[in-house]
PDB file of N, CA and C in Angstrom:
ATOM      1  N   UNK A   1       2.741  10.718  -4.779  1.00  0.00           N
ATOM      2  CA  UNK A   1       3.654   9.948  -3.045  1.00  0.00           C
ATOM      3  C   UNK A   1       4.525  10.726  -3.421  1.00  0.00           C
ATOM      4  N   UNK A   2       5.300  10.912  -2.287  1.00  0.00           N
ATOM      5  CA  UNK A   2       6.562  11.529  -1.890  1.00  0.00           C
ATOM      6  C   UNK A   2       7.593   9.869  -0.806  1.00  0.00           C
ATOM      7  N   UNK A   3       8.316   9.962  -1.143  1.00  0.00           N
ATOM      8  CA  UNK A   3       9.232   9.006  -0.247  1.00  0.00           C
ATOM      9  C   UNK A   3       8.300   9.692   1.604  1.00  0.00           C
ATOM     10  N   UNK A   4       8.397   8.781   2.335  1.00  0.00           N
ATOM     11  CA  UNK A   4       7.952   8.139   3.274  1.00  0.00           C
ATOM     12  C   UNK A   4       6.787   8.891   3.652  1.00  0.00           C
ATOM     13  N   UNK A   5       6.085   9.153   2.318  1.00  0.00           N
ATOM     14  CA  UNK A   5       4.631   9.271   3.237  1.00  0.00           C
ATOM     15  C   UNK A   5       3.718   8.373   2.990  1.00  0.00           C
ATOM     16  N   UNK A   6       2.966   7.651   4.112  1.00  0.00           N
ATOM     17  CA  UNK A   6       1.892   6.983   3.768  1.00  0.00           C
ATOM     18  C   UNK A   6       0.651   8.148   3.663  1.00  0.00           C
ATOM     19  N   UNK A   7       0.226   6.663   3.180  1.00  0.00           N
ATOM     20  CA  UNK A   7      -1.455   7.424   2.616  1.00  0.00           C
ATOM     21  C   UNK A   7      -2.468   5.912   2.004  1.00  0.00           C
ATOM     22  N   UNK A   8      -3.769   6.505   2.892  1.00  0.00           N
ATOM     23  CA  UNK A   8      -4.860   5.300   2.242  1.00  0.00           C
ATOM     24  C   UNK A   8      -5.758   5.625   1.704  1.00  0.00           C
ATOM     25  N   UNK A   9      -6.490   5.122   0.685  1.00  0.00           N
ATOM     26  CA  UNK A   9      -7.079   5.077  -0.288  1.00  0.00           C
ATOM     27  C   UNK A   9      -8.329   6.153  -0.096  1.00  0.00           C
ATOM     28  N   UNK A  10      -9.038   7.109  -0.597  1.00  0.00           N
ATOM     29  CA  UNK A  10      -9.632   8.305  -0.572  1.00  0.00           C
ATOM     30  C   UNK A  10     -11.498   7.057  -0.010  1.00  0.00           C
ATOM     31  N   UNK A  11     -11.198   5.629   0.019  1.00  0.00           N
ATOM     32  CA  UNK A  11     -12.506   5.072  -0.363  1.00  0.00           C
ATOM     33  C   UNK A  11     -12.324   4.529   1.118  1.00  0.00           C
ATOM     34  N   UNK A  12     -10.956   4.889   2.052  1.00  0.00           N
ATOM     35  CA  UNK A  12     -11.678   4.165   3.510  1.00  0.00           C
ATOM     36  C   UNK A  12     -11.604   5.411   4.945  1.00  0.00           C
ATOM     37  N   UNK A  13     -11.945   6.550   3.372  1.00  0.00           N
ATOM     38  CA  UNK A  13     -13.216   7.503   4.904  1.00  0.00           C
ATOM     39  C   UNK A  13     -12.332   7.870   6.311  1.00  0.00           C
ATOM     40  N   UNK A  14     -12.857   8.091   7.226  1.00  0.00           N
ATOM     41  CA  UNK A  14     -11.293   7.983   8.185  1.00  0.00           C
ATOM     42  C   UNK A  14     -11.451   5.849   8.901  1.00  0.00           C
ATOM     43  N   UNK A  15     -12.407   5.410   8.904  1.00  0.00           N
ATOM     44  CA  UNK A  15     -11.931   4.024   9.154  1.00  0.00           C
ATOM     45  C   UNK A  15     -10.627   3.769   9.423  1.00  0.00           C
ATOM     46  N   UNK A  16      -9.784   3.373  10.262  1.00  0.00           N
ATOM     47  CA  UNK A  16      -8.333   2.790  10.608  1.00  0.00           C
ATOM     48  C   UNK A  16      -8.129   1.405  10.354  1.00  0.00           C
ATOM     49  N   UNK A  17      -9.054   0.831   9.716  1.00  0.00           N
ATOM     50  CA  UNK A  17      -8.689  -0.050   9.129  1.00  0.00           C
ATOM     51  C   UNK A  17      -8.613  -0.523   7.685  1.00  0.00           C
ATOM     52  N   UNK A  18      -7.894  -0.222   7.919  1.00  0.00           N
ATOM     53  CA  UNK A  18      -6.814  -0.259   6.485  1.00  0.00           C
ATOM     54  C   UNK A  18      -5.682  -0.203   5.913  1.00  0.00           C
ATOM     55  N   UNK A  19      -5.206   0.366   4.031  1.00  0.00           N
ATOM     56  CA  UNK A  19      -4.628  -1.384   3.573  1.00  0.00           C
ATOM     57  C   UNK A  19      -3.100   0.685   3.989  1.00  0.00           C
ATOM     58  N   UNK A  20      -2.058   1.099   3.520  1.00  0.00           N
ATOM     59  CA  UNK A  20      -1.426   1.727   3.873  1.00  0.00           C
ATOM     60  C   UNK A  20      -0.459   2.176   3.193  1.00  0.00           C
ATOM     61  N   UNK A  21      -0.101   2.840   2.559  1.00  0.00           N
ATOM     62  CA  UNK A  21       1.270   2.453   1.610  1.00  0.00           C
ATOM     63  C   UNK A  21       2.038   3.884   1.233  1.00  0.00           C
ATOM     64  N   UNK A  22       3.641   3.398   0.936  1.00  0.00           N
ATOM     65  CA  UNK A  22       4.687   4.218   0.520  1.00  0.00           C
ATOM     66  C   UNK A  22       5.768   3.896  -0.096  1.00  0.00           C
ATOM     67  N   UNK A  23       6.448   5.194  -1.313  1.00  0.00           N
ATOM     68  CA  UNK A  23       6.718   4.574  -1.877  1.00  0.00           C
ATOM     69  C   UNK A  23       7.910   5.050  -1.891  1.00  0.00           C
ATOM     70  N   UNK A  24       9.714   3.948  -1.774  1.00  0.00           N
ATOM     71  CA  UNK A  24      10.339   4.566  -1.233  1.00  0.00           C
ATOM     72  C   UNK A  24      11.477   3.621  -1.814  1.00  0.00           C
ATOM     73  N   UNK A  25      11.953   4.716  -2.963  1.00  0.00           N
ATOM     74  CA  UNK A  25      13.884   3.615  -3.469  1.00  0.00           C
ATOM     75  C   UNK A  25      12.839   3.089  -4.997  1.00  0.00           C
ATOM     76  N   UNK A  26      11.470   3.239  -5.420  1.00  0.00           N
ATOM     77  CA  UNK A  26      11.268   1.916  -6.272  1.00  0.00           C
ATOM     78  C   UNK A  26      10.766   0.814  -5.577  1.00  0.00           C
ATOM     79  N   UNK A  27      10.416   1.779  -4.711  1.00  0.00           N
ATOM     80  CA  UNK A  27       9.919   0.507  -3.807  1.00  0.00           C
ATOM     81  C   UNK A  27       8.592   0.400  -3.104  1.00  0.00           C
ATOM     82  N   UNK A  28       7.516  -0.328  -3.312  1.00  0.00           N
ATOM     83  CA  UNK A  28       6.602   0.795  -2.330  1.00  0.00           C
ATOM     84  C   UNK A  28       6.146  -0.528  -1.338  1.00  0.00           C
ATOM     85  N   UNK A  29       5.651  -0.208  -0.189  1.00  0.00           N
ATOM     86  CA  UNK A  29       5.494  -0.974   1.689  1.00  0.00           C
ATOM     87  C   UNK A  29       4.562  -0.288   1.872  1.00  0.00           C
ATOM     88  N   UNK A  30       3.119  -1.265   2.700  1.00  0.00           N
ATOM     89  CA  UNK A  30       2.531  -1.886   2.733  1.00  0.00           C
ATOM     90  C   UNK A  30       2.280  -2.468   4.021  1.00  0.00           C
ATOM     91  N   UNK A  31       1.937  -1.240   4.720  1.00  0.00           N
ATOM     92  CA  UNK A  31       1.439  -1.576   6.266  1.00  0.00           C
ATOM     93  C   UNK A  31       0.123  -1.851   7.008  1.00  0.00           C
ATOM     94  N   UNK A  32      -0.543  -2.218   7.848  1.00  0.00           N
ATOM     95  CA  UNK A  32      -1.707  -2.238   8.126  1.00  0.00           C
ATOM     96  C   UNK A  32      -1.644  -0.663   9.114  1.00  0.00           C
ATOM     97  N   UNK A  33      -3.117  -0.076   8.755  1.00  0.00           N
ATOM     98  CA  UNK A  33      -3.430   1.127  10.060  1.00  0.00           C
ATOM     99  C   UNK A  33      -3.834   0.664  10.881  1.00  0.00           C
ATOM    100  N   UNK A  34      -3.773  -0.239  11.328  1.00  0.00           N
ATOM    101  CA  UNK A  34      -3.723  -0.653  12.774  1.00  0.00           C
ATOM    102  C   UNK A  34      -3.420  -0.689  13.388  1.00  0.00           C
ATOM    103  N   UNK A  35      -1.922  -1.331  12.645  1.00  0.00           N
ATOM    104  CA  UNK A  35      -0.429  -1.742  13.592  1.00  0.00           C
ATOM    105  C   UNK A  35       0.462  -1.586  13.561  1.00  0.00           C
ATOM    106  N   UNK A  36       0.686   0.043  13.013  1.00  0.00           N
ATOM    107  CA  UNK A  36       1.530   0.249  11.832  1.00  0.00           C
ATOM    108  C   UNK A  36       2.959   0.478  12.549  1.00  0.00           C
ATOM    109  N   UNK A  37       3.631  -0.540  13.764  1.00  0.00           N
ATOM    110  CA  UNK A  37       4.186  -0.949  13.755  1.00  0.00           C
ATOM    111  C   UNK A  37       4.757  -2.113  13.918  1.00  0.00           C
ATOM    112  N   UNK A  38       3.987  -2.918  13.313  1.00  0.00           N
ATOM    113  CA  UNK A  38       4.654  -4.498  12.475  1.00  0.00           C
ATOM    114  C   UNK A  38       5.266  -4.041  11.436  1.00  0.00           C
ATOM    115  N   UNK A  39       5.485  -5.287  10.697  1.00  0.00           N
ATOM    116  CA  UNK A  39       6.307  -5.295   9.884  1.00  0.00           C
ATOM    117  C   UNK A  39       5.266  -4.634   8.380  1.00  0.00           C
ATOM    118  N   UNK A  40       6.166  -4.231   7.583  1.00  0.00           N
ATOM    119  CA  UNK A  40       5.609  -4.000   6.513  1.00  0.00           C
ATOM    120  C   UNK A  40       6.155  -4.896   5.242  1.00  0.00           C
ATOM    121  N   UNK A  41       5.541  -5.357   4.393  1.00  0.00           N
ATOM    122  CA  UNK A  41       5.318  -5.421   3.006  1.00  0.00           C
ATOM    123  C   UNK A  41       6.421  -5.102   2.108  1.00  0.00           C
ATOM    124  N   UNK A  42       7.478  -5.083   0.760  1.00  0.00           N
ATOM    125  CA  UNK A  42       7.711  -3.946   0.612  1.00  0.00           C
ATOM    126  C   UNK A  42       7.769  -4.872  -0.736  1.00  0.00           C
ATOM    127  N   UNK A  43       7.057  -3.872  -1.322  1.00  0.00           N
ATOM    128  CA  UNK A  43       7.555  -4.974  -3.188  1.00  0.00           C
ATOM    129  C   UNK A  43       7.970  -4.134  -4.564  1.00  0.00           C
ATOM    130  N   UNK A  44       9.294  -4.183  -4.998  1.00  0.00           N
ATOM    131  CA  UNK A  44       9.652  -3.893  -6.040  1.00  0.00           C
ATOM    132  C   UNK A  44       8.328  -3.310  -7.419  1.00  0.00           C
ATOM    133  N   UNK A  45       8.781  -2.008  -7.929  1.00  0.00           N
ATOM    134  CA  UNK A  45       7.306  -1.409  -8.586  1.00  0.00           C
ATOM    135  C   UNK A  45       7.187  -2.398  -9.729  1.00  0.00           C
ATOM    136  N   UNK A  46       7.170  -3.139 -10.638  1.00  0.00           N
ATOM    137  CA  UNK A  46       7.273  -4.338 -11.167  1.00  0.00           C
ATOM    138  C   UNK A  46       6.254  -5.017 -11.237  1.00  0.00           C
ATOM    139  N   UNK A  47       6.422  -5.325  -9.515  1.00  0.00           N
ATOM    140  CA  UNK A  47       4.937  -6.770  -8.558  1.00  0.00           C
ATOM    141  C   UNK A  47       4.633  -5.406  -8.085  1.00  0.00           C
ATOM    142  N   UNK A  48       4.461  -4.367  -8.071  1.00  0.00           N
ATOM    143  CA  UNK A  48       3.332  -3.650  -6.602  1.00  0.00           C
ATOM    144  C   UNK A  48       2.793  -2.993  -8.781  1.00  0.00           C
ATOM    145  N   UNK A  49       3.088  -3.149  -9.510  1.00  0.00           N
ATOM    146  CA  UNK A  49       2.100  -2.447 -10.609  1.00  0.00           C
ATOM    147  C   UNK A  49       1.377  -3.515 -10.872  1.00  0.00           C
ATOM    148  N   UNK A  50       1.801  -5.131 -11.046  1.00  0.00           N
ATOM    149  CA  UNK A  50       0.973  -6.304 -10.691  1.00  0.00           C
ATOM    150  C   UNK A  50      -0.121  -6.709 -10.083  1.00  0.00           C
ATOM    151  N   UNK A  51       0.338  -5.808  -9.352  1.00  0.00           N
ATOM    152  CA  UNK A  51      -0.546  -6.412  -7.979  1.00  0.00           C
ATOM    153  C   UNK A  51      -2.084  -4.816  -7.988  1.00  0.00           C
ATOM    154  N   UNK A  52      -1.124  -4.049  -8.207  1.00  0.00           N
ATOM    155  CA  UNK A  52      -2.765  -3.664  -8.715  1.00  0.00           C
ATOM    156  C   UNK A  52      -3.424  -3.774 -10.359  1.00  0.00           C
ATOM    157  N   UNK A  53      -2.863  -3.782 -11.053  1.00  0.00           N
ATOM    158  CA  UNK A  53      -3.824  -4.544 -12.542  1.00  0.00           C
ATOM    159  C   UNK A  53      -4.316  -6.226 -11.708  1.00  0.00           C
ATOM    160  N   UNK A  54      -4.012  -6.375 -11.054  1.00  0.00           N
ATOM    161  CA  UNK A  54      -4.795  -7.904 -10.481  1.00  0.00           C
ATOM    162  C   UNK A  54      -6.115  -7.462 -10.386  1.00  0.00           C
ATOM    163  N   UNK A  55      -5.553  -6.529  -8.618  1.00  0.00           N
ATOM    164  CA  UNK A  55      -6.701  -6.124  -8.296  1.00  0.00           C
ATOM    165  C   UNK A  55      -7.977  -4.958  -8.978  1.00  0.00           C
ATOM    166  N   UNK A  56      -7.276  -4.242  -9.542  1.00  0.00           N
ATOM    167  CA  UNK A  56      -8.555  -3.411 -10.575  1.00  0.00           C
ATOM    168  C   UNK A  56      -9.002  -4.646 -10.776  1.00  0.00           C
ATOM    169  N   UNK A  57      -8.322  -5.361 -11.984  1.00  0.00           N
ATOM    170  CA  UNK A  57      -9.040  -6.345 -12.827  1.00  0.00           C
ATOM    171  C   UNK A  57     -10.396  -7.613 -11.884  1.00  0.00           C
ATOM    172  N   UNK A  58     -10.241  -6.797 -10.518  1.00  0.00           N
ATOM    173  CA  UNK A  58     -10.857  -8.076 -10.569  1.00  0.00           C
ATOM    174  C   UNK A  58     -10.930  -9.475  -9.810  1.00  0.00           C
ATOM    175  N   UNK A  59      -9.022  -9.951 -10.194  1.00  0.00           N
ATOM    176  CA  UNK A  59      -8.752 -11.849 -10.265  1.00  0.00           C
ATOM    177  C   UNK A  59      -7.894 -11.626  -8.739  1.00  0.00           C
ATOM    178  N   UNK A  60      -8.170 -11.365  -7.288  1.00  0.00           N
ATOM    179  CA  UNK A  60      -7.856 -11.282  -6.921  1.00  0.00           C
ATOM    180  C   UNK A  60      -8.274 -12.435  -5.286  1.00  0.00           C
TER     181      UNK A  60
END
């Protein structure tokens, strides 16, 4: 993932109803693909890693 490039999971296929992410200087930003101009949620690297671990463990 390069700085500035938004991406979504390959599991999303061509669906426009997804969460998109991008990496920016030690922070991961998330946004709603239906409303890309709206606010983003930015998480520092350690919090992003914690969120991913929680989701992967199906604990959310």
